[in-house]
Amino acid sequence: MIVSEHARQQMLQSGIDESDVRACLEHGELVIKQVVKGEMRYGKQPDLKDKRIIVIYTRYDGDARIITTYSVKRKRWQKTN
């Protein structure tokens, strides 16, 4: 796993550690797949108990190259009458 400097900064700001990123790559659900500037990019979202994150990555020489990570805020819905 190769982590870009941008992704490391985002991980630090969002409280995401490398074990979260690895878990996401191994067990996360693919939620994004698109070509950006001729490069296929993927986005996965794992089912973690205490937080929700998305990892955006590409493949480089058979290894995952992490482009960015970010946390997703969970919305709390209120029931209306």
PDB file of N, CA and C in Angstrom:
ATOM      1  N   MET A   1       0.851  -1.171   0.000  1.00  0.00           N
ATOM      2  CA  MET A   1       0.000   0.000   0.000  1.00  0.00           C
ATOM      3  C   MET A   1       0.897   1.234   0.000  1.00  0.00           C
ATOM      4  N   ILE A   2       0.655   2.115  -0.952  1.00  0.00           N
ATOM      5  CA  ILE A   2       1.386   3.371  -1.061  1.00  0.00           C
ATOM      6  C   ILE A   2       0.410   4.490  -0.702  1.00  0.00           C
ATOM      7  N   VAL A   3       0.788   5.339   0.241  1.00  0.00           N
ATOM      8  CA  VAL A   3      -0.106   6.411   0.695  1.00  0.00           C
ATOM      9  C   VAL A   3       0.490   7.754   0.262  1.00  0.00           C
ATOM     10  N   SER A   4      -0.288   8.519  -0.491  1.00  0.00           N
ATOM     11  CA  SER A   4       0.174   9.841  -0.937  1.00  0.00           C
ATOM     12  C   SER A   4       0.262  10.792   0.251  1.00  0.00           C
ATOM     13  N   GLU A   5       1.035  11.850   0.088  1.00  0.00           N
ATOM     14  CA  GLU A   5       1.164  12.856   1.138  1.00  0.00           C
ATOM     15  C   GLU A   5      -0.196  13.495   1.432  1.00  0.00           C
ATOM     16  N   HIS A   6      -0.974  13.759   0.391  1.00  0.00           N
ATOM     17  CA  HIS A   6      -2.317  14.330   0.588  1.00  0.00           C
ATOM     18  C   HIS A   6      -3.174  13.389   1.440  1.00  0.00           C
ATOM     19  N   ALA A   7      -3.136  12.100   1.129  1.00  0.00           N
ATOM     20  CA  ALA A   7      -3.929  11.131   1.890  1.00  0.00           C
ATOM     21  C   ALA A   7      -3.468  11.081   3.346  1.00  0.00           C
ATOM     22  N   ARG A   8      -2.160  11.149   3.576  1.00  0.00           N
ATOM     23  CA  ARG A   8      -1.647  11.145   4.955  1.00  0.00           C
ATOM     24  C   ARG A   8      -2.161  12.359   5.734  1.00  0.00           C
ATOM     25  N   GLN A   9      -2.177  13.514   5.093  1.00  0.00           N
ATOM     26  CA  GLN A   9      -2.686  14.719   5.749  1.00  0.00           C
ATOM     27  C   GLN A   9      -4.169  14.571   6.075  1.00  0.00           C
ATOM     28  N   GLN A  10      -4.936  14.039   5.126  1.00  0.00           N
ATOM     29  CA  GLN A  10      -6.368  13.830   5.354  1.00  0.00           C
ATOM     30  C   GLN A  10      -6.599  12.815   6.475  1.00  0.00           C
ATOM     31  N   MET A  11      -5.788  11.762   6.506  1.00  0.00           N
ATOM     32  CA  MET A  11      -5.910  10.754   7.561  1.00  0.00           C
ATOM     33  C   MET A  11      -5.672  11.390   8.926  1.00  0.00           C
ATOM     34  N   LEU A  12      -4.639  12.207   9.018  1.00  0.00           N
ATOM     35  CA  LEU A  12      -4.307  12.870  10.276  1.00  0.00           C
ATOM     36  C   LEU A  12      -5.435  13.793  10.720  1.00  0.00           C
ATOM     37  N   GLN A  13      -5.973  14.579   9.806  1.00  0.00           N
ATOM     38  CA  GLN A  13      -7.051  15.510  10.137  1.00  0.00           C
ATOM     39  C   GLN A  13      -8.339  14.808  10.525  1.00  0.00           C
ATOM     40  N   SER A  14      -8.581  13.641   9.915  1.00  0.00           N
ATOM     41  CA  SER A  14      -9.851  12.936  10.140  1.00  0.00           C
ATOM     42  C   SER A  14      -9.773  11.833  11.189  1.00  0.00           C
ATOM     43  N   GLY A  15      -8.588  11.595  11.748  1.00  0.00           N
ATOM     44  CA  GLY A  15      -8.447  10.534  12.749  1.00  0.00           C
ATOM     45  C   GLY A  15      -8.539   9.144  12.154  1.00  0.00           C
ATOM     46  N   ILE A  16      -8.068   8.994  10.921  1.00  0.00           N
ATOM     47  CA  ILE A  16      -8.083   7.697  10.234  1.00  0.00           C
ATOM     48  C   ILE A  16      -6.672   7.132  10.285  1.00  0.00           C
ATOM     49  N   ASP A  17      -6.520   5.893  10.746  1.00  0.00           N
ATOM     50  CA  ASP A  17      -5.174   5.320  10.771  1.00  0.00           C
ATOM     51  C   ASP A  17      -5.006   4.287   9.659  1.00  0.00           C
ATOM     52  N   GLU A  18      -3.780   3.814   9.498  1.00  0.00           N
ATOM     53  CA  GLU A  18      -3.490   2.888   8.402  1.00  0.00           C
ATOM     54  C   GLU A  18      -4.264   1.582   8.514  1.00  0.00           C
ATOM     55  N   SER A  19      -4.544   1.144   9.727  1.00  0.00           N
ATOM     56  CA  SER A  19      -5.318  -0.093   9.879  1.00  0.00           C
ATOM     57  C   SER A  19      -6.743   0.089   9.345  1.00  0.00           C
ATOM     58  N   ASP A  20      -7.316   1.296   9.512  1.00  0.00           N
ATOM     59  CA  ASP A  20      -8.635   1.586   8.943  1.00  0.00           C
ATOM     60  C   ASP A  20      -8.590   1.521   7.420  1.00  0.00           C
ATOM     61  N   VAL A  21      -7.525   2.084   6.840  1.00  0.00           N
ATOM     62  CA  VAL A  21      -7.373   2.091   5.381  1.00  0.00           C
ATOM     63  C   VAL A  21      -7.207   0.662   4.864  1.00  0.00           C
ATOM     64  N   ARG A  22      -6.384  -0.132   5.537  1.00  0.00           N
ATOM     65  CA  ARG A  22      -6.185  -1.532   5.120  1.00  0.00           C
ATOM     66  C   ARG A  22      -7.492  -2.321   5.210  1.00  0.00           C
ATOM     67  N   ALA A  23      -8.238  -2.117   6.289  1.00  0.00           N
ATOM     68  CA  ALA A  23      -9.530  -2.800   6.455  1.00  0.00           C
ATOM     69  C   ALA A  23     -10.482  -2.402   5.335  1.00  0.00           C
ATOM     70  N   CYS A  24     -10.440  -1.141   4.968  1.00  0.00           N
ATOM     71  CA  CYS A  24     -11.293  -0.645   3.893  1.00  0.00           C
ATOM     72  C   CYS A  24     -10.929  -1.313   2.573  1.00  0.00           C
ATOM     73  N   LEU A  25      -9.647  -1.391   2.269  1.00  0.00           N
ATOM     74  CA  LEU A  25      -9.211  -2.017   1.018  1.00  0.00           C
ATOM     75  C   LEU A  25      -9.588  -3.493   0.976  1.00  0.00           C
ATOM     76  N   GLU A  26      -9.466  -4.176   2.098  1.00  0.00           N
ATOM     77  CA  GLU A  26      -9.725  -5.619   2.150  1.00  0.00           C
ATOM     78  C   GLU A  26     -11.211  -5.959   2.208  1.00  0.00           C
ATOM     79  N   HIS A  27     -11.986  -5.168   2.959  1.00  0.00           N
ATOM     80  CA  HIS A  27     -13.371  -5.558   3.234  1.00  0.00           C
ATOM     81  C   HIS A  27     -14.421  -4.529   2.833  1.00  0.00           C
ATOM     82  N   GLY A  28     -13.979  -3.375   2.375  1.00  0.00           N
ATOM     83  CA  GLY A  28     -14.919  -2.302   2.052  1.00  0.00           C
ATOM     84  C   GLY A  28     -15.726  -2.583   0.794  1.00  0.00           C
ATOM     85  N   GLU A  29     -16.861  -1.942   0.730  1.00  0.00           N
ATOM     86  CA  GLU A  29     -17.739  -2.046  -0.431  1.00  0.00           C
ATOM     87  C   GLU A  29     -17.322  -1.007  -1.466  1.00  0.00           C
ATOM     88  N   LEU A  30     -17.215  -1.426  -2.720  1.00  0.00           N
ATOM     89  CA  LEU A  30     -16.865  -0.515  -3.799  1.00  0.00           C
ATOM     90  C   LEU A  30     -18.046   0.418  -4.056  1.00  0.00           C
ATOM     91  N   VAL A  31     -17.834   1.722  -3.868  1.00  0.00           N
ATOM     92  CA  VAL A  31     -18.910   2.697  -4.048  1.00  0.00           C
ATOM     93  C   VAL A  31     -18.619   3.687  -5.172  1.00  0.00           C
ATOM     94  N   ILE A  32     -17.372   3.751  -5.632  1.00  0.00           N
ATOM     95  CA  ILE A  32     -16.983   4.658  -6.717  1.00  0.00           C
ATOM     96  C   ILE A  32     -16.036   3.924  -7.651  1.00  0.00           C
ATOM     97  N   LYS A  33     -16.258   4.086  -8.948  1.00  0.00           N
ATOM     98  CA  LYS A  33     -15.340   3.563  -9.956  1.00  0.00           C
ATOM     99  C   LYS A  33     -15.436   4.508 -11.142  1.00  0.00           C
ATOM    100  N   GLN A  34     -14.358   5.262 -11.385  1.00  0.00           N
ATOM    101  CA  GLN A  34     -14.395   6.230 -12.473  1.00  0.00           C
ATOM    102  C   GLN A  34     -12.995   6.478 -13.014  1.00  0.00           C
ATOM    103  N   VAL A  35     -12.940   6.931 -14.253  1.00  0.00           N
ATOM    104  CA  VAL A  35     -11.681   7.279 -14.887  1.00  0.00           C
ATOM    105  C   VAL A  35     -11.452   8.776 -14.712  1.00  0.00           C
ATOM    106  N   VAL A  36     -10.286   9.132 -14.157  1.00  0.00           N
ATOM    107  CA  VAL A  36      -9.905  10.524 -13.963  1.00  0.00           C
ATOM    108  C   VAL A  36      -8.534  10.714 -14.614  1.00  0.00           C
ATOM    109  N   LYS A  37      -8.485  11.589 -15.621  1.00  0.00           N
ATOM    110  CA  LYS A  37      -7.241  11.858 -16.354  1.00  0.00           C
ATOM    111  C   LYS A  37      -6.593  10.565 -16.855  1.00  0.00           C
ATOM    112  N   GLY A  38      -7.409   9.673 -17.397  1.00  0.00           N
ATOM    113  CA  GLY A  38      -6.917   8.429 -17.975  1.00  0.00           C
ATOM    114  C   GLY A  38      -6.561   7.352 -16.969  1.00  0.00           C
ATOM    115  N   GLU A  39      -6.856   7.566 -15.709  1.00  0.00           N
ATOM    116  CA  GLU A  39      -6.507   6.622 -14.646  1.00  0.00           C
ATOM    117  C   GLU A  39      -7.777   6.123 -13.966  1.00  0.00           C
ATOM    118  N   MET A  40      -7.923   4.806 -13.835  1.00  0.00           N
ATOM    119  CA  MET A  40      -9.089   4.249 -13.144  1.00  0.00           C
ATOM    120  C   MET A  40      -8.920   4.448 -11.642  1.00  0.00           C
ATOM    121  N   ARG A  41      -9.916   5.082 -11.030  1.00  0.00           N
ATOM    122  CA  ARG A  41      -9.911   5.303  -9.586  1.00  0.00           C
ATOM    123  C   ARG A  41     -11.084   4.580  -8.946  1.00  0.00           C
ATOM    124  N   TYR A  42     -10.844   4.107  -7.737  1.00  0.00           N
ATOM    125  CA  TYR A  42     -11.838   3.348  -6.992  1.00  0.00           C
ATOM    126  C   TYR A  42     -12.067   4.013  -5.643  1.00  0.00           C
ATOM    127  N   GLY A  43     -13.264   3.873  -5.139  1.00  0.00           N
ATOM    128  CA  GLY A  43     -13.583   4.358  -3.805  1.00  0.00           C
ATOM    129  C   GLY A  43     -14.273   3.252  -3.041  1.00  0.00           C
ATOM    130  N   LYS A  44     -13.759   2.955  -1.868  1.00  0.00           N
ATOM    131  CA  LYS A  44     -14.363   1.919  -1.029  1.00  0.00           C
ATOM    132  C   LYS A  44     -14.762   2.506   0.307  1.00  0.00           C
ATOM    133  N   GLN A  45     -15.817   1.913   0.841  1.00  0.00           N
ATOM    134  CA  GLN A  45     -16.348   2.345   2.137  1.00  0.00           C
ATOM    135  C   GLN A  45     -16.557   1.096   2.985  1.00  0.00           C
ATOM    136  N   PRO A  46     -15.841   0.988   4.114  1.00  0.00           N
ATOM    137  CA  PRO A  46     -16.015  -0.186   4.978  1.00  0.00           C
ATOM    138  C   PRO A  46     -17.164   0.014   5.957  1.00  0.00           C
ATOM    139  N   ASP A  47     -17.544  -1.055   6.592  1.00  0.00           N
ATOM    140  CA  ASP A  47     -18.551  -0.996   7.640  1.00  0.00           C
ATOM    141  C   ASP A  47     -17.824  -1.056   8.977  1.00  0.00           C
ATOM    142  N   LEU A  48     -17.424   0.098   9.485  1.00  0.00           N
ATOM    143  CA  LEU A  48     -16.742   0.187  10.774  1.00  0.00           C
ATOM    144  C   LEU A  48     -17.747   0.604  11.836  1.00  0.00           C
ATOM    145  N   LYS A  49     -17.557   0.117  13.046  1.00  0.00           N
ATOM    146  CA  LYS A  49     -18.503   0.404  14.125  1.00  0.00           C
ATOM    147  C   LYS A  49     -18.497   1.862  14.557  1.00  0.00           C
ATOM    148  N   ASP A  50     -17.306   2.430  14.737  1.00  0.00           N
ATOM    149  CA  ASP A  50     -17.225   3.739  15.363  1.00  0.00           C
ATOM    150  C   ASP A  50     -17.066   4.908  14.399  1.00  0.00           C
ATOM    151  N   LYS A  51     -16.838   4.628  13.109  1.00  0.00           N
ATOM    152  CA  LYS A  51     -16.695   5.723  12.151  1.00  0.00           C
ATOM    153  C   LYS A  51     -16.999   5.249  10.738  1.00  0.00           C
ATOM    154  N   ARG A  52     -17.257   6.204   9.881  1.00  0.00           N
ATOM    155  CA  ARG A  52     -17.536   5.902   8.479  1.00  0.00           C
ATOM    156  C   ARG A  52     -16.520   6.679   7.643  1.00  0.00           C
ATOM    157  N   ILE A  53     -15.774   5.942   6.813  1.00  0.00           N
ATOM    158  CA  ILE A  53     -14.746   6.572   5.984  1.00  0.00           C
ATOM    159  C   ILE A  53     -14.881   6.115   4.536  1.00  0.00           C
ATOM    160  N   ILE A  54     -14.249   6.860   3.646  1.00  0.00           N
ATOM    161  CA  ILE A  54     -14.127   6.470   2.246  1.00  0.00           C
ATOM    162  C   ILE A  54     -12.659   6.596   1.876  1.00  0.00           C
ATOM    163  N   VAL A  55     -12.157   5.603   1.156  1.00  0.00           N
ATOM    164  CA  VAL A  55     -10.782   5.603   0.680  1.00  0.00           C
ATOM    165  C   VAL A  55     -10.818   5.615  -0.843  1.00  0.00           C
ATOM    166  N   ILE A  56     -10.159   6.606  -1.435  1.00  0.00           N
ATOM    167  CA  ILE A  56     -10.062   6.711  -2.894  1.00  0.00           C
ATOM    168  C   ILE A  56      -8.655   6.266  -3.277  1.00  0.00           C
ATOM    169  N   TYR A  57      -8.560   5.322  -4.215  1.00  0.00           N
ATOM    170  CA  TYR A  57      -7.262   4.762  -4.576  1.00  0.00           C
ATOM    171  C   TYR A  57      -7.229   4.354  -6.034  1.00  0.00           C
ATOM    172  N   THR A  58      -6.037   4.055  -6.498  1.00  0.00           N
ATOM    173  CA  THR A  58      -5.823   3.513  -7.832  1.00  0.00           C
ATOM    174  C   THR A  58      -4.848   2.352  -7.693  1.00  0.00           C
ATOM    175  N   ARG A  59      -4.627   1.650  -8.752  1.00  0.00           N
ATOM    176  CA  ARG A  59      -3.661   0.543  -8.737  1.00  0.00           C
ATOM    177  C   ARG A  59      -2.393   0.983  -9.445  1.00  0.00           C
ATOM    178  N   TYR A  60      -1.253   0.691  -8.854  1.00  0.00           N
ATOM    179  CA  TYR A  60       0.039   1.051  -9.434  1.00  0.00           C
ATOM    180  C   TYR A  60       0.995  -0.119  -9.218  1.00  0.00           C
ATOM    181  N   ASP A  61       1.414  -0.745 -10.290  1.00  0.00           N
ATOM    182  CA  ASP A  61       2.299  -1.922 -10.221  1.00  0.00           C
ATOM    183  C   ASP A  61       1.754  -2.993  -9.278  1.00  0.00           C
ATOM    184  N   GLY A  62       0.461  -3.231  -9.328  1.00  0.00           N
ATOM    185  CA  GLY A  62      -0.166  -4.264  -8.510  1.00  0.00           C
ATOM    186  C   GLY A  62      -0.411  -3.878  -7.065  1.00  0.00           C
ATOM    187  N   ASP A  63      -0.058  -2.663  -6.701  1.00  0.00           N
ATOM    188  CA  ASP A  63      -0.236  -2.194  -5.336  1.00  0.00           C
ATOM    189  C   ASP A  63      -1.297  -1.100  -5.314  1.00  0.00           C
ATOM    190  N   ALA A  64      -1.991  -0.960  -4.198  1.00  0.00           N
ATOM    191  CA  ALA A  64      -2.970   0.119  -4.058  1.00  0.00           C
ATOM    192  C   ALA A  64      -2.226   1.408  -3.737  1.00  0.00           C
ATOM    193  N   ARG A  65      -2.514   2.460  -4.496  1.00  0.00           N
ATOM    194  CA  ARG A  65      -1.946   3.791  -4.233  1.00  0.00           C
ATOM    195  C   ARG A  65      -3.084   4.651  -3.713  1.00  0.00           C
ATOM    196  N   ILE A  66      -3.024   5.007  -2.436  1.00  0.00           N
ATOM    197  CA  ILE A  66      -4.087   5.766  -1.789  1.00  0.00           C
ATOM    198  C   ILE A  66      -3.967   7.229  -2.198  1.00  0.00           C
ATOM    199  N   ILE A  67      -5.020   7.751  -2.804  1.00  0.00           N
ATOM    200  CA  ILE A  67      -5.033   9.128  -3.263  1.00  0.00           C
ATOM    201  C   ILE A  67      -5.537  10.055  -2.165  1.00  0.00           C
ATOM    202  N   THR A  68      -6.655   9.680  -1.546  1.00  0.00           N
ATOM    203  CA  THR A  68      -7.201  10.482  -0.445  1.00  0.00           C
ATOM    204  C   THR A  68      -8.095   9.611   0.424  1.00  0.00           C
ATOM    205  N   THR A  69      -8.345  10.083   1.604  1.00  0.00           N
ATOM    206  CA  THR A  69      -9.286   9.447   2.525  1.00  0.00           C
ATOM    207  C   THR A  69     -10.086  10.559   3.177  1.00  0.00           C
ATOM    208  N   TYR A  70     -11.287  10.248   3.566  1.00  0.00           N
ATOM    209  CA  TYR A  70     -12.050  11.228   4.328  1.00  0.00           C
ATOM    210  C   TYR A  70     -13.134  10.537   5.128  1.00  0.00           C
ATOM    211  N   SER A  71     -13.546  11.194   6.194  1.00  0.00           N
ATOM    212  CA  SER A  71     -14.613  10.649   7.021  1.00  0.00           C
ATOM    213  C   SER A  71     -15.939  11.220   6.539  1.00  0.00           C
ATOM    214  N   VAL A  72     -16.965  10.427   6.686  1.00  0.00           N
ATOM    215  CA  VAL A  72     -18.307  10.811   6.272  1.00  0.00           C
ATOM    216  C   VAL A  72     -19.123  10.987   7.540  1.00  0.00           C
ATOM    217  N   LYS A  73     -19.736  12.139   7.654  1.00  0.00           N
ATOM    218  CA  LYS A  73     -20.583  12.406   8.824  1.00  0.00           C
ATOM    219  C   LYS A  73     -21.896  11.646   8.677  1.00  0.00           C
ATOM    220  N   ARG A  74     -22.277  10.987   9.733  1.00  0.00           N
ATOM    221  CA  ARG A  74     -23.554  10.267   9.720  1.00  0.00           C
ATOM    222  C   ARG A  74     -24.674  11.241  10.009  1.00  0.00           C
ATOM    223  N   LYS A  75     -25.709  11.143   9.224  1.00  0.00           N
ATOM    224  CA  LYS A  75     -26.870  12.014   9.432  1.00  0.00           C
ATOM    225  C   LYS A  75     -27.819  11.358  10.425  1.00  0.00           C
ATOM    226  N   ARG A  76     -28.318  12.162  11.297  1.00  0.00           N
ATOM    227  CA  ARG A  76     -29.333  11.678  12.246  1.00  0.00           C
ATOM    228  C   ARG A  76     -30.682  12.188  11.775  1.00  0.00           C
ATOM    229  N   TRP A  77     -31.555  11.285  11.486  1.00  0.00           N
ATOM    230  CA  TRP A  77     -32.868  11.655  10.974  1.00  0.00           C
ATOM    231  C   TRP A  77     -33.845  11.767  12.133  1.00  0.00           C
ATOM    232  N   GLN A  78     -34.668  12.781  12.092  1.00  0.00           N
ATOM    233  CA  GLN A  78     -35.701  12.941  13.108  1.00  0.00           C
ATOM    234  C   GLN A  78     -37.047  12.607  12.493  1.00  0.00           C
ATOM    235  N   LYS A  79     -37.807  11.875  13.221  1.00  0.00           N
ATOM    236  CA  LYS A  79     -39.135  11.496  12.765  1.00  0.00           C
ATOM    237  C   LYS A  79     -40.081  12.688  12.925  1.00  0.00           C
ATOM    238  N   THR A  80     -40.814  12.990  11.863  1.00  0.00           N
ATOM    239  CA  THR A  80     -41.780  14.095  11.943  1.00  0.00           C
ATOM    240  C   THR A  80     -43.189  13.517  11.946  1.00  0.00           C
ATOM    241  N   ASN A  81     -44.090  14.258  12.541  1.00  0.00           N
ATOM    242  CA  ASN A  81     -45.489  13.801  12.605  1.00  0.00           C
ATOM    243  C   ASN A  81     -46.274  14.224  11.405  1.00  0.00           C
TER     244      ASN A  81
END
